[in-house]
Amino acid sequence: MNIEIDPEQLQAIALDWGGRLIAAILILIVGKWIAGSIRRVFERALEARKVDKTIVSFLGNLGYMLLMTLVVLMAIGKLGVNTTSFVAVVGAAGLAVGLALQGSLSNFASGVLLIIFRPFKAGDFVEAGGAAGIVEEIQVFCTKIRTGDNKAIIIPNSGVLGGNIVNYSAKETRRVELIFGIGYDDDLRKAKALLQEIIAADERILKDPESLVAVKELADSSVNFVVRVWVKSADFWNVHFHLVETVKLRFDEEGISIPYPQRDVHIHQVTDSSEGAKAA
């Protein structure tokens, strides 16, 4: 059976589908550019209103995804596909995919909750999801954290929201607490006065709330002082390290000892009773 193909009809079909395909590709290219432009304008408008960077980034990513979904549907419609039926098919497929990707949906929902309740924002130093570092960005499905040694950690949003979140930047001030021990033979009043002098000399230590220097306990080998001072959150570690070093140097200068664990070992010679009898 011979099938005759009309070259003109074949050419018309090729031109028709070729034109639709080119139009669909153009829609994707131009649509992507427009979506990106709208995203940038939207983010700049929010930044001009001094909206938090975390919210700006999250809404920008979400809006871009929605716009690109519309662009893809327009491109598919240009190919002659019935988008109504296509949306129904995509909806049914989306349900199946959603069941298979429950973790991703959970991350998305957690990302929305992080934006709404805002336990932290970009730039905060936090402990979350088993990692500690500075929050760089909260995305739709994950949160990006930069550690102190400049490593990038990407944590699923459900992992962040599912555990304890410690935000070290939430408050303007923090308390530095240190324990210093002196020997039982050292002058207690002199050591306490010296600690108070060191605290008063550091301008980074706040006057309010008032600092505390007190005897905490009479330990096995030392008399332990507790030192509690309040500082700005940004000065926490600098003051911590400075106090430890300064106290050691000043104690050495003033002849105040800092006990450390030590053990005395006594060796006794035991004489074999049988050898003693022979000698006798």
Protein backbone atom coordinates (compact mmCIF):
# COMPACT_ATOMS: atom_id res chain seq x y z
CA MET A 1 0.00 0.00 0.00
CA ASN A 2 1.54 3.23 -1.15
CA ILE A 3 0.99 6.35 0.92
CA GLU A 4 1.38 9.52 -1.04
CA ILE A 5 2.68 12.49 0.92
CA ASP A 6 1.85 15.89 -0.39
CA PRO A 7 5.08 17.90 -0.20
CA GLU A 8 3.16 21.13 0.07
CA GLN A 9 1.04 19.82 2.96
CA LEU A 10 4.15 18.48 4.70
CA GLN A 11 5.84 21.81 4.24
CA ALA A 12 2.82 23.65 5.65
CA ILE A 13 2.77 21.38 8.72
CA ALA A 14 6.51 21.85 9.23
CA LEU A 15 6.18 25.61 8.92
CA ASP A 16 3.23 25.65 11.30
CA TRP A 17 4.93 23.55 13.99
CA GLY A 18 8.26 25.24 13.41
CA GLY A 19 6.65 28.61 13.95
CA ARG A 20 4.92 27.39 17.12
CA LEU A 21 8.14 25.90 18.45
CA ILE A 22 10.08 29.09 17.77
CA ALA A 23 7.32 31.13 19.40
CA ALA A 24 7.34 28.85 22.44
CA ILE A 25 11.12 29.17 22.79
CA LEU A 26 10.87 32.95 22.48
CA ILE A 27 8.16 32.99 25.14
CA LEU A 28 10.44 31.03 27.48
CA ILE A 29 13.44 33.28 26.84
CA VAL A 30 11.56 36.58 27.04
CA GLY A 31 9.38 35.36 29.91
CA LYS A 32 12.42 34.33 31.92
CA TRP A 33 13.99 37.75 31.34
CA ILE A 34 10.77 39.54 32.33
CA ALA A 35 10.36 37.36 35.44
CA GLY A 36 13.94 38.12 36.46
CA SER A 37 13.42 41.85 35.88
CA ILE A 38 10.20 41.87 37.92
CA ARG A 39 11.98 39.98 40.67
CA ARG A 40 14.81 42.54 40.80
CA VAL A 41 12.42 45.51 40.79
CA PHE A 42 10.32 43.88 43.52
CA GLU A 43 13.35 43.17 45.70
CA ARG A 44 14.70 46.72 45.27
CA ALA A 45 11.32 48.15 46.22
CA LEU A 46 11.28 46.08 49.40
CA GLU A 47 14.87 47.01 50.21
CA ALA A 48 14.01 50.69 49.73
CA ARG A 49 11.33 50.24 52.40
CA LYS A 50 14.03 48.70 54.63
CA VAL A 51 12.36 45.30 54.71
CA ASP A 52 14.54 42.58 56.24
CA LYS A 53 16.85 40.92 53.69
CA THR A 54 15.62 37.48 54.71
CA ILE A 55 12.03 38.33 53.76
CA VAL A 56 13.15 40.08 50.55
CA SER A 57 15.10 37.03 49.39
CA PHE A 58 12.35 34.56 50.30
CA LEU A 59 9.54 36.52 48.60
CA GLY A 60 11.74 37.18 45.58
CA ASN A 61 12.45 33.46 45.08
CA LEU A 62 8.80 32.53 45.60
CA GLY A 63 7.52 35.17 43.17
CA TYR A 64 10.06 34.15 40.53
CA MET A 65 8.96 30.52 40.73
CA LEU A 66 5.29 31.50 40.28
CA LEU A 67 6.07 33.73 37.28
CA MET A 68 8.15 31.02 35.63
CA THR A 69 5.26 28.57 36.09
CA LEU A 70 2.99 30.96 34.15
CA VAL A 71 5.64 31.39 31.45
CA VAL A 72 5.95 27.62 30.99
CA LEU A 73 2.15 27.27 30.71
CA MET A 74 2.05 30.02 28.08
CA ALA A 75 4.81 28.32 26.09
CA ILE A 76 2.99 24.98 26.25
CA GLY A 77 -0.26 26.66 25.16
CA LYS A 78 1.54 28.17 22.16
CA LEU A 79 2.39 24.64 21.01
CA GLY A 80 -1.33 23.89 20.77
CA VAL A 81 -1.59 21.88 23.97
CA ASN A 82 -4.84 22.42 25.87
CA THR A 83 -3.55 24.09 29.01
CA THR A 84 -6.77 23.37 30.90
CA SER A 85 -6.30 19.67 30.47
CA PHE A 86 -2.62 20.08 31.04
CA VAL A 87 -3.20 21.86 34.36
CA ALA A 88 -5.53 19.03 35.42
CA VAL A 89 -2.90 16.45 34.49
CA VAL A 90 -0.21 18.48 36.23
CA GLY A 91 -2.44 18.74 39.30
CA ALA A 92 -2.93 14.98 39.44
CA ALA A 93 0.77 14.43 38.85
CA GLY A 94 1.55 17.10 41.46
CA LEU A 95 -0.45 15.18 44.04
CA ALA A 96 1.53 12.03 43.34
CA VAL A 97 4.80 13.92 43.32
CA GLY A 98 3.79 15.70 46.52
CA LEU A 99 3.28 12.41 48.29
CA ALA A 100 6.68 11.28 47.08
CA LEU A 101 8.33 14.55 48.05
CA GLN A 102 6.86 15.07 51.47
CA GLY A 103 10.25 16.11 52.80
CA SER A 104 10.55 18.92 50.24
CA LEU A 105 7.03 20.14 51.02
CA SER A 106 7.90 20.05 54.70
CA ASN A 107 10.98 22.16 53.99
CA PHE A 108 8.84 24.64 52.06
CA ALA A 109 6.30 24.89 54.88
CA SER A 110 9.11 25.29 57.41
CA GLY A 111 10.61 28.07 55.29
CA VAL A 112 7.28 29.92 55.35
CA LEU A 113 7.08 29.54 59.14
CA LEU A 114 10.65 30.79 59.55
CA ILE A 115 9.73 33.92 57.62
CA ILE A 116 6.51 34.45 59.58
CA PHE A 117 7.88 33.90 63.11
CA ARG A 118 11.41 35.13 62.35
CA PRO A 119 13.44 33.39 65.09
CA PHE A 120 16.48 34.86 63.31
CA LYS A 121 17.37 37.01 60.34
CA ALA A 122 20.21 37.30 57.85
CA GLY A 123 23.39 38.31 59.65
CA ASP A 124 22.53 36.70 62.99
CA PHE A 125 24.88 34.19 64.61
CA VAL A 126 22.85 31.11 65.48
CA GLU A 127 22.99 27.44 66.42
CA ALA A 128 20.39 25.54 64.41
CA GLY A 129 20.05 22.19 62.69
CA GLY A 130 23.27 20.91 64.27
CA ALA A 131 25.40 23.78 62.92
CA ALA A 132 26.59 27.15 64.21
CA GLY A 133 27.37 30.21 62.12
CA ILE A 134 26.12 33.41 60.54
CA VAL A 135 22.83 33.19 58.64
CA GLU A 136 23.39 34.27 55.03
CA GLU A 137 20.02 33.50 53.46
CA ILE A 138 16.72 31.73 54.08
CA GLN A 139 15.59 30.16 50.80
CA VAL A 140 12.38 28.35 49.90
CA PHE A 141 13.67 24.91 50.89
CA CYS A 142 16.86 25.52 52.86
CA THR A 143 18.81 27.94 55.02
CA LYS A 144 22.42 28.92 54.25
CA ILE A 145 24.83 29.39 57.15
CA ARG A 146 28.48 30.49 57.08
CA THR A 147 30.66 29.08 59.86
CA GLY A 148 33.40 30.95 61.69
CA ASP A 149 36.08 29.29 59.53
CA ASN A 150 34.20 30.35 56.36
CA LYS A 151 32.52 27.07 55.46
CA ALA A 152 29.10 27.15 53.80
CA ILE A 153 26.47 24.90 55.40
CA ILE A 154 23.09 24.31 53.75
CA ILE A 155 20.44 23.07 56.20
CA PRO A 156 16.93 21.90 55.16
CA ASN A 157 14.37 24.26 56.66
CA SER A 158 12.58 21.38 58.39
CA GLY A 159 15.85 20.54 60.17
CA VAL A 160 16.18 24.14 61.34
CA LEU A 161 12.62 24.43 62.61
CA GLY A 162 12.50 20.90 64.03
CA GLY A 163 15.15 21.48 66.70
CA ASN A 164 16.31 24.06 69.20
CA ILE A 165 17.37 27.42 67.78
CA VAL A 166 19.92 29.46 69.74
CA ASN A 167 20.22 33.03 68.47
CA TYR A 168 23.30 34.71 69.92
CA SER A 169 22.53 37.97 68.11
CA ALA A 170 18.93 38.35 69.27
CA LYS A 171 19.88 40.55 72.24
CA GLU A 172 22.13 43.59 72.26
CA THR A 173 24.05 42.46 75.35
CA ARG A 174 25.41 39.17 76.69
CA ARG A 175 26.95 38.03 79.96
CA VAL A 176 30.49 36.73 80.18
CA GLU A 177 30.94 34.27 83.03
CA LEU A 178 34.36 32.97 84.07
CA ILE A 179 35.71 30.92 87.00
CA PHE A 180 39.12 31.72 88.52
CA GLY A 181 40.71 29.66 91.30
CA ILE A 182 43.33 30.72 93.82
CA GLY A 183 45.23 28.73 96.42
CA TYR A 184 44.00 28.35 99.99
CA ASP A 185 47.14 30.12 101.25
CA ASP A 186 46.59 33.19 99.03
CA ASP A 187 45.02 36.45 100.19
CA LEU A 188 41.29 36.19 99.38
CA ARG A 189 40.56 39.92 99.72
CA LYS A 190 43.55 40.88 97.58
CA ALA A 191 42.52 38.49 94.79
CA LYS A 192 38.94 39.80 94.82
CA ALA A 193 40.10 43.43 94.71
CA LEU A 194 42.44 42.61 91.83
CA LEU A 195 39.60 41.03 89.82
CA GLN A 196 37.42 44.09 90.43
CA GLU A 197 40.28 46.35 89.34
CA ILE A 198 40.71 44.41 86.07
CA ILE A 199 36.98 44.67 85.33
CA ALA A 200 36.89 48.42 86.05
CA ALA A 201 39.80 49.03 83.69
CA ASP A 202 38.05 47.49 80.66
CA GLU A 203 35.81 50.10 78.98
CA ARG A 204 33.98 47.42 76.97
CA ILE A 205 32.43 46.04 80.15
CA LEU A 206 29.06 47.70 80.83
CA LYS A 207 28.35 49.44 84.12
CA ASP A 208 24.69 48.45 83.99
CA PRO A 209 23.91 45.65 84.75
CA GLU A 210 26.49 45.67 87.53
CA SER A 211 29.39 43.23 87.37
CA LEU A 212 29.76 40.48 89.96
CA VAL A 213 32.86 39.08 91.63
CA ALA A 214 32.12 36.53 94.36
CA VAL A 215 33.48 33.40 95.97
CA LYS A 216 31.62 30.54 94.33
CA GLU A 217 32.96 27.52 96.19
CA LEU A 218 35.69 26.09 98.35
CA ALA A 219 36.86 23.36 96.02
CA ASP A 220 39.21 20.45 96.70
CA SER A 221 42.38 22.32 95.86
CA SER A 222 41.30 25.94 95.24
CA VAL A 223 39.06 28.79 96.28
CA ASN A 224 37.01 29.55 93.18
CA PHE A 225 35.80 33.01 92.21
CA VAL A 226 32.95 33.56 89.75
CA VAL A 227 33.24 36.65 87.55
CA ARG A 228 30.13 37.82 85.69
CA VAL A 229 30.24 40.90 83.45
CA TRP A 230 27.88 42.28 80.81
CA VAL A 231 29.10 43.36 77.38
CA LYS A 232 27.72 44.16 73.97
CA SER A 233 27.11 40.99 71.98
CA ALA A 234 29.77 41.95 69.42
CA ASP A 235 32.41 42.24 72.19
CA PHE A 236 31.65 38.90 73.88
CA TRP A 237 34.63 36.82 72.77
CA ASN A 238 37.13 39.69 72.78
CA VAL A 239 36.32 40.49 76.40
CA HIS A 240 36.28 36.77 77.30
CA PHE A 241 39.78 36.16 75.94
CA HIS A 242 41.11 39.45 77.35
CA LEU A 243 39.92 38.72 80.88
CA VAL A 244 41.44 35.23 80.94
CA GLU A 245 44.83 36.49 79.78
CA THR A 246 44.86 39.61 81.97
CA VAL A 247 43.89 37.73 85.14
CA LYS A 248 46.67 35.19 84.63
CA LEU A 249 49.29 37.91 84.07
CA ARG A 250 48.15 40.05 87.01
CA PHE A 251 47.94 37.07 89.36
CA ASP A 252 51.52 36.15 88.42
CA GLU A 253 52.68 39.74 89.06
CA GLU A 254 50.97 39.87 92.47
CA GLY A 255 52.15 36.42 93.56
CA ILE A 256 48.70 34.86 93.60
CA SER A 257 48.79 31.19 92.65
CA ILE A 258 46.36 29.43 90.35
CA PRO A 259 46.19 25.79 91.53
CA TYR A 260 46.19 22.97 89.04
CA PRO A 261 45.54 19.24 89.51
CA GLN A 262 48.54 17.39 90.88
CA ARG A 263 49.19 14.10 92.61
CA ASP A 264 51.86 13.05 95.09
CA VAL A 265 53.18 9.51 94.60
CA HIS A 266 54.86 7.75 97.55
CA ILE A 267 56.91 4.60 96.85
CA HIS A 268 57.42 2.06 99.64
CA GLN A 269 59.90 -0.81 99.36
CA VAL A 270 58.39 -4.16 100.37
CA THR A 271 60.77 -6.91 101.53
CA ASP A 272 59.95 -10.51 100.64
CA SER A 273 59.31 -12.42 103.93
CA SER A 274 61.03 -15.58 102.62
CA GLU A 275 64.20 -13.68 101.76
CA GLY A 276 64.13 -12.09 105.21
CA ALA A 277 63.97 -15.50 106.86
CA LYS A 278 66.96 -16.82 104.88
CA ALA A 279 68.98 -13.78 105.79
CA ALA A 280 68.22 -14.48 109.42
